């Protein structure tokens, strides 16, 4: 993978049963580029993003993200450099976790924070909550947030680590109009 590439995919196949969701994809993304993946429901956009972040194992092909090859590196560590906003994360979030801790968990690329946040982590999370206009919800558990509040929280969570790569899967879904 060239040093100018942030993402490189070769001959990617994502298959579930007999259905080929993504077939033969070759794709390169260089640092500084912005891409949009468009397509109808069910065409594989979310599956592609899940495979690029190590949440879904591809059937075949090579994936390189930030110079790391899928299957050869610790992707739990790599996820600390990738911000992901996807409604598919909703089902994994800890329903009783306060929003402040959910925001902090993004810095560590984990779901359900397993340790007490540091003073600096809390300070950064409070600043992020202010930025996404959710400061008043800092102690609310995930289960009590509206869809729009959850979506803003996922955006804030993804930005907490100051990611090198930001992947947005329908980031505006459920947001209130401004």
C-alpha atoms as a PDB file:
ATOM      1  CA  UNK A   1       0.000   0.000   0.000  1.00  0.00           C
ATOM      2  CA  UNK A   2       1.417   3.364  -1.002  1.00  0.00           C
ATOM      3  CA  UNK A   3       2.014   5.856   1.790  1.00  0.00           C
ATOM      4  CA  UNK A   4      -0.439   8.241   0.143  1.00  0.00           C
ATOM      5  CA  UNK A   5      -3.257   5.690   0.529  1.00  0.00           C
ATOM      6  CA  UNK A   6      -5.415   5.783   3.645  1.00  0.00           C
ATOM      7  CA  UNK A   7      -7.523   2.895   2.349  1.00  0.00           C
ATOM      8  CA  UNK A   8      -6.921   0.231  -0.264  1.00  0.00           C
ATOM      9  CA  UNK A   9      -9.189  -2.668  -1.201  1.00  0.00           C
ATOM     10  CA  UNK A  10      -8.323  -5.455  -3.661  1.00  0.00           C
ATOM     11  CA  UNK A  11     -10.843  -7.919  -5.108  1.00  0.00           C
ATOM     12  CA  UNK A  12     -13.178  -7.661  -2.119  1.00  0.00           C
ATOM     13  CA  UNK A  13     -15.980 -10.199  -1.839  1.00  0.00           C
ATOM     14  CA  UNK A  14     -18.563 -10.058   0.921  1.00  0.00           C
ATOM     15  CA  UNK A  15     -20.949 -12.976   0.681  1.00  0.00           C
ATOM     16  CA  UNK A  16     -23.710 -14.201   2.982  1.00  0.00           C
ATOM     17  CA  UNK A  17     -24.997 -17.608   2.013  1.00  0.00           C
ATOM     18  CA  UNK A  18     -25.325 -17.632  -1.770  1.00  0.00           C
ATOM     19  CA  UNK A  19     -25.796 -13.849  -1.981  1.00  0.00           C
ATOM     20  CA  UNK A  20     -22.813 -11.798  -3.125  1.00  0.00           C
ATOM     21  CA  UNK A  21     -23.248  -8.462  -1.361  1.00  0.00           C
ATOM     22  CA  UNK A  22     -20.010  -6.866  -2.615  1.00  0.00           C
ATOM     23  CA  UNK A  23     -18.180  -8.624  -5.442  1.00  0.00           C
ATOM     24  CA  UNK A  24     -14.750  -7.873  -6.895  1.00  0.00           C
ATOM     25  CA  UNK A  25     -14.358  -4.374  -5.459  1.00  0.00           C
ATOM     26  CA  UNK A  26     -11.039  -2.613  -6.057  1.00  0.00           C
ATOM     27  CA  UNK A  27     -10.766   0.826  -4.474  1.00  0.00           C
ATOM     28  CA  UNK A  28      -8.144   3.279  -3.258  1.00  0.00           C
ATOM     29  CA  UNK A  29      -8.624   6.350  -1.100  1.00  0.00           C
ATOM     30  CA  UNK A  30      -5.749   8.799  -0.682  1.00  0.00           C
ATOM     31  CA  UNK A  31      -5.164  11.087   2.283  1.00  0.00           C
ATOM     32  CA  UNK A  32      -7.249  14.231   1.965  1.00  0.00           C
ATOM     33  CA  UNK A  33      -9.858  12.713  -0.350  1.00  0.00           C
ATOM     34  CA  UNK A  34     -13.565  12.654   0.451  1.00  0.00           C
ATOM     35  CA  UNK A  35     -15.730   9.869  -0.949  1.00  0.00           C
ATOM     36  CA  UNK A  36     -19.450   9.176  -1.004  1.00  0.00           C
ATOM     37  CA  UNK A  37     -20.860   5.696  -1.562  1.00  0.00           C
ATOM     38  CA  UNK A  38     -24.318   5.845  -3.112  1.00  0.00           C
ATOM     39  CA  UNK A  39     -26.746   3.058  -3.839  1.00  0.00           C
ATOM     40  CA  UNK A  40     -30.185   1.682  -3.066  1.00  0.00           C
ATOM     41  CA  UNK A  41     -31.093  -0.039   0.181  1.00  0.00           C
ATOM     42  CA  UNK A  42     -29.575  -3.488   0.441  1.00  0.00           C
ATOM     43  CA  UNK A  43     -26.779  -2.963  -2.088  1.00  0.00           C
ATOM     44  CA  UNK A  44     -23.985  -3.457   0.479  1.00  0.00           C
ATOM     45  CA  UNK A  45     -22.934   0.040   1.585  1.00  0.00           C
ATOM     46  CA  UNK A  46     -23.185  -0.728   5.311  1.00  0.00           C
ATOM     47  CA  UNK A  47     -21.614  -4.172   4.842  1.00  0.00           C
ATOM     48  CA  UNK A  48     -18.696  -2.540   3.044  1.00  0.00           C
ATOM     49  CA  UNK A  49     -18.127  -0.034   5.861  1.00  0.00           C
ATOM     50  CA  UNK A  50     -18.422  -2.806   8.451  1.00  0.00           C
ATOM     51  CA  UNK A  51     -15.744  -4.806   6.645  1.00  0.00           C
ATOM     52  CA  UNK A  52     -13.465  -1.762   6.344  1.00  0.00           C
ATOM     53  CA  UNK A  53     -13.621  -1.273  10.116  1.00  0.00           C
ATOM     54  CA  UNK A  54     -13.133  -4.927  11.007  1.00  0.00           C
ATOM     55  CA  UNK A  55     -16.664  -5.549  12.289  1.00  0.00           C
ATOM     56  CA  UNK A  56     -17.520  -7.849   9.368  1.00  0.00           C
ATOM     57  CA  UNK A  57     -15.092 -10.376   7.919  1.00  0.00           C
ATOM     58  CA  UNK A  58     -14.930 -10.358   4.125  1.00  0.00           C
ATOM     59  CA  UNK A  59     -15.248 -13.644   2.269  1.00  0.00           C
ATOM     60  CA  UNK A  60     -12.263 -12.864   0.037  1.00  0.00           C
ATOM     61  CA  UNK A  61      -9.931 -10.030  -0.842  1.00  0.00           C
ATOM     62  CA  UNK A  62      -7.460  -7.730   0.839  1.00  0.00           C
ATOM     63  CA  UNK A  63      -8.219  -4.656   2.907  1.00  0.00           C
ATOM     64  CA  UNK A  64      -5.534  -2.182   3.962  1.00  0.00           C
ATOM     65  CA  UNK A  65      -6.511   0.673   6.272  1.00  0.00           C
ATOM     66  CA  UNK A  66      -3.974   3.241   7.478  1.00  0.00           C
ATOM     67  CA  UNK A  67      -1.183   0.958   6.270  1.00  0.00           C
ATOM     68  CA  UNK A  68      -2.490  -2.093   8.147  1.00  0.00           C
ATOM     69  CA  UNK A  69      -3.646  -5.257   6.387  1.00  0.00           C
ATOM     70  CA  UNK A  70      -6.836  -6.860   7.623  1.00  0.00           C
ATOM     71  CA  UNK A  71      -6.028 -10.135   9.366  1.00  0.00           C
ATOM     72  CA  UNK A  72      -2.425  -9.233  10.119  1.00  0.00           C
ATOM     73  CA  UNK A  73      -2.902  -6.493  12.709  1.00  0.00           C
ATOM     74  CA  UNK A  74      -4.880  -5.853  15.878  1.00  0.00           C
ATOM     75  CA  UNK A  75      -7.953  -4.101  14.531  1.00  0.00           C
ATOM     76  CA  UNK A  76      -9.203  -3.254  17.998  1.00  0.00           C
ATOM     77  CA  UNK A  77      -6.153  -0.967  18.217  1.00  0.00           C
ATOM     78  CA  UNK A  78      -6.577   0.291  14.652  1.00  0.00           C
ATOM     79  CA  UNK A  79     -10.188   1.314  15.351  1.00  0.00           C
ATOM     80  CA  UNK A  80      -8.823   4.001  17.700  1.00  0.00           C
ATOM     81  CA  UNK A  81      -7.819   5.892  14.543  1.00  0.00           C
ATOM     82  CA  UNK A  82     -11.105   5.350  12.698  1.00  0.00           C
ATOM     83  CA  UNK A  83     -14.257   7.267  13.537  1.00  0.00           C
ATOM     84  CA  UNK A  84     -17.426   5.374  12.636  1.00  0.00           C
ATOM     85  CA  UNK A  85     -20.948   6.755  12.625  1.00  0.00           C
ATOM     86  CA  UNK A  86     -23.466   4.030  11.847  1.00  0.00           C
ATOM     87  CA  UNK A  87     -26.925   3.283  13.172  1.00  0.00           C
ATOM     88  CA  UNK A  88     -25.864  -0.371  13.325  1.00  0.00           C
ATOM     89  CA  UNK A  89     -23.836   0.580  16.418  1.00  0.00           C
ATOM     90  CA  UNK A  90     -27.080   1.404  18.280  1.00  0.00           C
ATOM     91  CA  UNK A  91     -27.812  -2.232  19.044  1.00  0.00           C
ATOM     92  CA  UNK A  92     -24.408  -2.673  20.690  1.00  0.00           C
ATOM     93  CA  UNK A  93     -24.498   0.379  22.951  1.00  0.00           C
ATOM     94  CA  UNK A  94     -24.881  -0.181  26.695  1.00  0.00           C
ATOM     95  CA  UNK A  95     -28.421   0.964  27.447  1.00  0.00           C
ATOM     96  CA  UNK A  96     -27.660   2.110  30.997  1.00  0.00           C
ATOM     97  CA  UNK A  97     -24.366   3.894  30.245  1.00  0.00           C
ATOM     98  CA  UNK A  98     -24.511   7.686  30.748  1.00  0.00           C
ATOM     99  CA  UNK A  99     -24.013   9.659  27.549  1.00  0.00           C
ATOM    100  CA  UNK A 100     -20.799  11.236  28.859  1.00  0.00           C
ATOM    101  CA  UNK A 101     -19.206   7.780  29.128  1.00  0.00           C
ATOM    102  CA  UNK A 102     -20.541   6.768  25.717  1.00  0.00           C
ATOM    103  CA  UNK A 103     -18.788   9.790  24.220  1.00  0.00           C
ATOM    104  CA  UNK A 104     -15.543   8.927  26.063  1.00  0.00           C
ATOM    105  CA  UNK A 105     -15.737   5.324  24.783  1.00  0.00           C
ATOM    106  CA  UNK A 106     -15.162   6.611  21.255  1.00  0.00           C
ATOM    107  CA  UNK A 107     -11.637   7.663  22.188  1.00  0.00           C
ATOM    108  CA  UNK A 108     -10.832   4.065  23.082  1.00  0.00           C
ATOM    109  CA  UNK A 109     -12.786   2.453  20.207  1.00  0.00           C
ATOM    110  CA  UNK A 110     -14.833   0.412  22.633  1.00  0.00           C
ATOM    111  CA  UNK A 111     -18.500   0.002  23.300  1.00  0.00           C
ATOM    112  CA  UNK A 112     -19.452   0.279  26.964  1.00  0.00           C
ATOM    113  CA  UNK A 113     -16.636   2.030  28.781  1.00  0.00           C
ATOM    114  CA  UNK A 114     -14.880  -0.443  31.061  1.00  0.00           C
ATOM    115  CA  UNK A 115     -13.074   2.025  33.268  1.00  0.00           C
ATOM    116  CA  UNK A 116     -13.685   5.287  35.066  1.00  0.00           C
ATOM    117  CA  UNK A 117     -13.007   8.153  32.644  1.00  0.00           C
ATOM    118  CA  UNK A 118     -10.024  10.344  33.511  1.00  0.00           C
ATOM    119  CA  UNK A 119     -10.458  14.019  34.309  1.00  0.00           C
ATOM    120  CA  UNK A 120      -9.079  14.931  30.861  1.00  0.00           C
ATOM    121  CA  UNK A 121     -11.389  12.442  29.133  1.00  0.00           C
ATOM    122  CA  UNK A 122     -14.395  13.925  30.937  1.00  0.00           C
ATOM    123  CA  UNK A 123     -13.282  17.432  30.016  1.00  0.00           C
ATOM    124  CA  UNK A 124     -12.898  16.475  26.337  1.00  0.00           C
ATOM    125  CA  UNK A 125     -16.243  14.663  26.343  1.00  0.00           C
ATOM    126  CA  UNK A 126     -17.997  17.665  27.899  1.00  0.00           C
ATOM    127  CA  UNK A 127     -16.537  19.885  25.162  1.00  0.00           C
ATOM    128  CA  UNK A 128     -17.742  17.407  22.531  1.00  0.00           C
ATOM    129  CA  UNK A 129     -21.216  17.272  24.113  1.00  0.00           C
ATOM    130  CA  UNK A 130     -21.355  21.057  23.894  1.00  0.00           C
ATOM    131  CA  UNK A 131     -20.304  20.939  20.250  1.00  0.00           C
ATOM    132  CA  UNK A 132     -23.084  18.464  19.359  1.00  0.00           C
ATOM    133  CA  UNK A 133     -25.576  20.398  21.524  1.00  0.00           C
ATOM    134  CA  UNK A 134     -26.133  17.564  24.008  1.00  0.00           C
ATOM    135  CA  UNK A 135     -24.542  18.975  27.194  1.00  0.00           C
ATOM    136  CA  UNK A 136     -27.862  18.761  29.014  1.00  0.00           C
ATOM    137  CA  UNK A 137     -27.949  14.997  28.341  1.00  0.00           C
ATOM    138  CA  UNK A 138     -24.539  14.085  29.821  1.00  0.00           C
ATOM    139  CA  UNK A 139     -26.045  11.889  32.573  1.00  0.00           C
ATOM    140  CA  UNK A 140     -28.850  10.387  30.462  1.00  0.00           C
ATOM    141  CA  UNK A 141     -28.550   6.658  29.776  1.00  0.00           C
ATOM    142  CA  UNK A 142     -28.431   5.595  26.128  1.00  0.00           C
ATOM    143  CA  UNK A 143     -31.851   3.906  26.367  1.00  0.00           C
ATOM    144  CA  UNK A 144     -33.520   7.235  27.204  1.00  0.00           C
ATOM    145  CA  UNK A 145     -32.144   9.174  24.238  1.00  0.00           C
ATOM    146  CA  UNK A 146     -34.231   9.924  21.159  1.00  0.00           C
ATOM    147  CA  UNK A 147     -33.100   8.720  17.742  1.00  0.00           C
ATOM    148  CA  UNK A 148     -31.795  12.190  16.871  1.00  0.00           C
ATOM    149  CA  UNK A 149     -29.932  12.492  20.182  1.00  0.00           C
ATOM    150  CA  UNK A 150     -28.385   9.072  19.615  1.00  0.00           C
ATOM    151  CA  UNK A 151     -27.265  10.068  16.144  1.00  0.00           C
ATOM    152  CA  UNK A 152     -25.617  13.259  17.442  1.00  0.00           C
ATOM    153  CA  UNK A 153     -23.992  11.163  20.183  1.00  0.00           C
ATOM    154  CA  UNK A 154     -22.593   8.725  17.602  1.00  0.00           C
ATOM    155  CA  UNK A 155     -21.122  11.662  15.684  1.00  0.00           C
ATOM    156  CA  UNK A 156     -19.533  13.071  18.852  1.00  0.00           C
ATOM    157  CA  UNK A 157     -18.295   9.626  19.844  1.00  0.00           C
ATOM    158  CA  UNK A 158     -16.667   9.146  16.423  1.00  0.00           C
ATOM    159  CA  UNK A 159     -14.893  12.501  16.676  1.00  0.00           C
ATOM    160  CA  UNK A 160     -13.574  11.949  20.232  1.00  0.00           C
ATOM    161  CA  UNK A 161     -10.383  10.226  19.115  1.00  0.00           C
ATOM    162  CA  UNK A 162      -9.628  12.822  16.437  1.00  0.00           C
ATOM    163  CA  UNK A 163      -9.654  10.028  13.846  1.00  0.00           C
ATOM    164  CA  UNK A 164      -7.376   9.808  10.826  1.00  0.00           C
ATOM    165  CA  UNK A 165     -10.256   8.230   8.912  1.00  0.00           C
ATOM    166  CA  UNK A 166     -13.919   9.101   9.421  1.00  0.00           C
ATOM    167  CA  UNK A 167     -16.610   6.795   8.016  1.00  0.00           C
ATOM    168  CA  UNK A 168     -20.175   8.041   8.042  1.00  0.00           C
ATOM    169  CA  UNK A 169     -23.054   5.663   7.323  1.00  0.00           C
ATOM    170  CA  UNK A 170     -26.193   7.789   6.930  1.00  0.00           C
ATOM    171  CA  UNK A 171     -24.950  10.346   9.481  1.00  0.00           C
ATOM    172  CA  UNK A 172     -28.000  12.599   9.112  1.00  0.00           C
ATOM    173  CA  UNK A 173     -30.606   9.856   9.612  1.00  0.00           C
ATOM    174  CA  UNK A 174     -32.936  10.802  12.434  1.00  0.00           C
ATOM    175  CA  UNK A 175     -31.465  14.266  12.993  1.00  0.00           C
ATOM    176  CA  UNK A 176     -33.815  17.149  13.596  1.00  0.00           C
ATOM    177  CA  UNK A 177     -33.947  19.773  10.837  1.00  0.00           C
ATOM    178  CA  UNK A 178     -32.140  22.996  11.661  1.00  0.00           C
END
